[in-house]
Amino acid sequence: MSQAFYVSLAEWSQVAASVLFIGILVFIWRRFISPGIVRSQERKNAELADAERRRDDAKADIENARHEVSATDGEISAITARGETDARHLHDRMLATATADGRRLVSNAEGELERGRYAARERLREDLVAKALDIARGAATYINDGTNRRLIEEAVDAVDRQKTV
């Protein structure tokens, strides 16, 4: 066999080894590497989908929180208005109660003052009558029948004059 045959055989052997090498690479690629890449891609896609779902859930939670804050602001306004109204009513009731109590106390004090004045007048009257009686008893010792008759006549004349007026 000739030298050219061996060279051609070596060349074809190289071609066959290259084709076999490429075939083995394709087999390894399809058997081991490609499924790994596909699984990795599916896992990453699942992670991405999960991240997007969590992002959407977070956006929904944020929107719900904004609505709750808006509702809470309305409730705060309503509670504040109700508190102000209740405070105003309580102030008015307390003022009315205090005014009524003050008037009652003033009325009671006026009654007590009038009773005190009446008692003082009565004591003064009693003292005055007692002193007048003491003076009259003392003066009675100096009055004789003529003076007594003259005093009675003056008293009767004074009463008669009062009736004519």
Protein backbone atom coordinates (compact mmCIF):
# COMPACT_ATOMS: atom_id res chain seq x y z
CA MET A 1 0.00 0.00 0.00
CA SER A 2 1.15 3.20 -0.80
CA GLN A 3 2.07 6.15 1.12
CA ALA A 4 -0.86 8.15 -0.22
CA PHE A 5 -3.22 5.55 1.07
CA TYR A 6 -1.85 5.93 4.55
CA VAL A 7 -2.00 9.67 4.34
CA SER A 8 -5.56 9.50 3.09
CA LEU A 9 -6.42 7.00 5.84
CA ALA A 10 -4.86 9.32 8.42
CA GLU A 11 -6.83 12.22 7.05
CA TRP A 12 -10.07 10.27 7.07
CA SER A 13 -9.25 8.99 10.47
CA GLN A 14 -8.85 12.59 11.59
CA VAL A 15 -12.20 13.48 9.95
CA ALA A 16 -13.89 10.48 11.56
CA ALA A 17 -12.37 11.31 14.96
CA SER A 18 -13.49 14.92 14.54
CA VAL A 19 -16.98 13.86 13.55
CA LEU A 20 -17.03 11.34 16.45
CA PHE A 21 -15.71 14.03 18.81
CA ILE A 22 -18.38 16.49 17.61
CA GLY A 23 -21.04 13.75 17.95
CA ILE A 24 -19.91 12.99 21.50
CA LEU A 25 -19.95 16.72 22.27
CA VAL A 26 -23.48 17.00 20.85
CA PHE A 27 -24.53 13.91 22.85
CA ILE A 28 -23.03 15.30 26.08
CA TRP A 29 -24.55 18.68 25.31
CA ARG A 30 -28.02 17.26 24.72
CA ARG A 31 -27.82 14.65 27.50
CA PHE A 32 -26.27 16.64 30.35
CA ILE A 33 -25.65 20.32 29.62
CA SER A 34 -28.84 21.29 27.78
CA PRO A 35 -31.21 19.78 30.42
CA GLY A 36 -29.21 21.53 33.13
CA ILE A 37 -29.53 24.83 31.29
CA VAL A 38 -33.26 24.24 30.74
CA ARG A 39 -33.74 23.38 34.46
CA SER A 40 -31.72 26.43 35.44
CA GLN A 41 -33.75 28.60 33.08
CA GLU A 42 -37.03 27.15 34.45
CA ARG A 43 -35.83 27.74 38.03
CA LYS A 44 -34.85 31.33 37.21
CA ASN A 45 -38.18 31.86 35.41
CA ALA A 46 -40.00 30.49 38.48
CA GLU A 47 -37.97 32.77 40.74
CA LEU A 48 -38.73 35.71 38.46
CA ALA A 49 -42.46 34.84 38.42
CA ASP A 50 -42.43 34.53 42.22
CA ALA A 51 -40.64 37.87 42.54
CA GLU A 52 -43.19 39.49 40.20
CA ARG A 53 -46.06 37.94 42.22
CA ARG A 54 -44.55 39.25 45.48
CA ARG A 55 -44.07 42.66 43.85
CA ASP A 56 -47.70 42.70 42.73
CA ASP A 57 -48.81 41.59 46.22
CA ALA A 58 -46.70 44.36 47.74
CA LYS A 59 -48.24 46.91 45.37
CA ALA A 60 -51.72 45.68 46.33
CA ASP A 61 -50.79 45.88 50.03
CA ILE A 62 -49.50 49.42 49.52
CA GLU A 63 -52.72 50.42 47.75
CA ASN A 64 -54.80 48.83 50.52
CA ALA A 65 -52.73 50.67 53.11
CA ARG A 66 -53.30 53.95 51.25
CA HIS A 67 -57.06 53.32 51.25
CA GLU A 68 -56.96 52.46 54.95
CA VAL A 69 -55.00 55.64 55.66
CA SER A 70 -57.58 57.64 53.71
CA ALA A 71 -60.39 55.94 55.63
CA THR A 72 -58.51 56.51 58.88
CA ASP A 73 -58.11 60.21 58.03
CA GLY A 74 -61.88 60.42 57.56
CA GLU A 75 -62.44 58.61 60.86
CA ILE A 76 -60.00 60.95 62.60
CA SER A 77 -61.89 63.95 61.24
CA ALA A 78 -65.21 62.47 62.36
CA ILE A 79 -63.86 61.60 65.81
CA THR A 80 -62.35 65.07 66.16
CA ALA A 81 -65.61 66.74 65.16
CA ARG A 82 -67.57 64.49 67.51
CA GLY A 83 -65.10 65.25 70.33
CA GLU A 84 -65.41 68.99 69.72
CA THR A 85 -69.21 68.74 69.71
CA ASP A 86 -69.19 66.65 72.88
CA ALA A 87 -66.80 69.10 74.54
CA ARG A 88 -69.01 72.03 73.54
CA HIS A 89 -72.11 70.29 74.93
CA LEU A 90 -70.28 69.34 78.11
CA HIS A 91 -69.05 72.93 78.48
CA ASP A 92 -72.59 74.25 78.00
CA ARG A 93 -74.02 71.74 80.51
CA MET A 94 -71.30 72.50 83.05
CA LEU A 95 -71.84 76.24 82.58
CA ALA A 96 -75.62 75.86 82.95
CA THR A 97 -75.16 73.70 86.05
CA ALA A 98 -72.68 76.16 87.56
CA THR A 99 -75.00 79.08 86.76
CA ALA A 100 -77.98 77.29 88.30
CA ASP A 101 -75.92 76.37 91.37
CA GLY A 102 -74.70 79.96 91.67
CA ARG A 103 -78.24 81.34 91.41
CA ARG A 104 -79.45 78.81 93.97
CA LEU A 105 -76.61 79.76 96.34
CA VAL A 106 -77.33 83.48 95.85
CA SER A 107 -81.05 82.86 96.47
CA ASN A 108 -80.27 80.82 99.59
CA ALA A 109 -77.88 83.52 100.78
CA GLU A 110 -80.51 86.21 100.17
CA GLY A 111 -83.03 84.14 102.16
CA GLU A 112 -80.54 83.70 104.98
CA LEU A 113 -79.77 87.43 104.89
CA GLU A 114 -83.49 88.28 105.06
CA ARG A 115 -83.98 85.85 107.95
CA GLY A 116 -80.98 87.40 109.70
CA ARG A 117 -82.38 90.90 109.15
CA TYR A 118 -85.77 89.83 110.46
CA ALA A 119 -84.19 88.26 113.56
CA ALA A 120 -82.09 91.41 114.13
CA ARG A 121 -85.20 93.63 113.77
CA GLU A 122 -87.05 91.45 116.23
CA ARG A 123 -84.16 91.59 118.73
CA LEU A 124 -83.90 95.36 118.23
CA ARG A 125 -87.66 95.74 118.70
CA GLU A 126 -87.57 93.59 121.83
CA ASP A 127 -84.63 95.59 123.21
CA LEU A 128 -86.37 98.87 122.33
CA VAL A 129 -89.63 97.77 123.98
CA ALA A 130 -87.74 96.57 127.03
CA LYS A 131 -85.87 99.88 127.35
CA ALA A 132 -89.07 101.86 126.73
CA LEU A 133 -90.80 99.88 129.46
CA ASP A 134 -87.89 100.49 131.81
CA ILE A 135 -88.01 104.24 131.06
CA ALA A 136 -91.81 104.28 131.43
CA ARG A 137 -91.63 102.46 134.76
CA GLY A 138 -89.03 104.92 135.91
CA ALA A 139 -91.14 107.88 134.71
CA ALA A 140 -94.33 106.44 136.23
CA THR A 141 -93.03 107.21 139.63
CA TYR A 142 -92.98 110.97 138.74
CA ILE A 143 -96.48 111.14 137.17
CA ASN A 144 -99.40 112.24 139.34
CA ASP A 145 -103.16 112.20 138.57
CA GLY A 146 -103.20 115.62 136.87
CA THR A 147 -100.24 114.80 134.61
CA ASN A 148 -101.80 111.42 133.81
CA ARG A 149 -105.14 113.06 132.83
CA ARG A 150 -103.31 115.64 130.66
CA LEU A 151 -101.29 112.87 128.86
CA ILE A 152 -104.44 110.83 128.19
CA GLU A 153 -106.22 113.85 126.73
CA GLU A 154 -103.23 114.66 124.48
CA ALA A 155 -103.15 111.04 123.27
CA VAL A 156 -106.90 111.04 122.52
CA ASP A 157 -106.61 114.36 120.66
CA ALA A 158 -103.70 112.98 118.61
CA VAL A 159 -105.76 109.90 117.66
CA ASP A 160 -108.73 112.10 116.72
CA ARG A 161 -106.51 114.22 114.51
CA GLN A 162 -105.19 111.09 112.80
CA LYS A 163 -108.72 109.92 112.00
CA THR A 164 -109.64 113.25 110.37
CA VAL A 165 -106.65 113.34 108.12
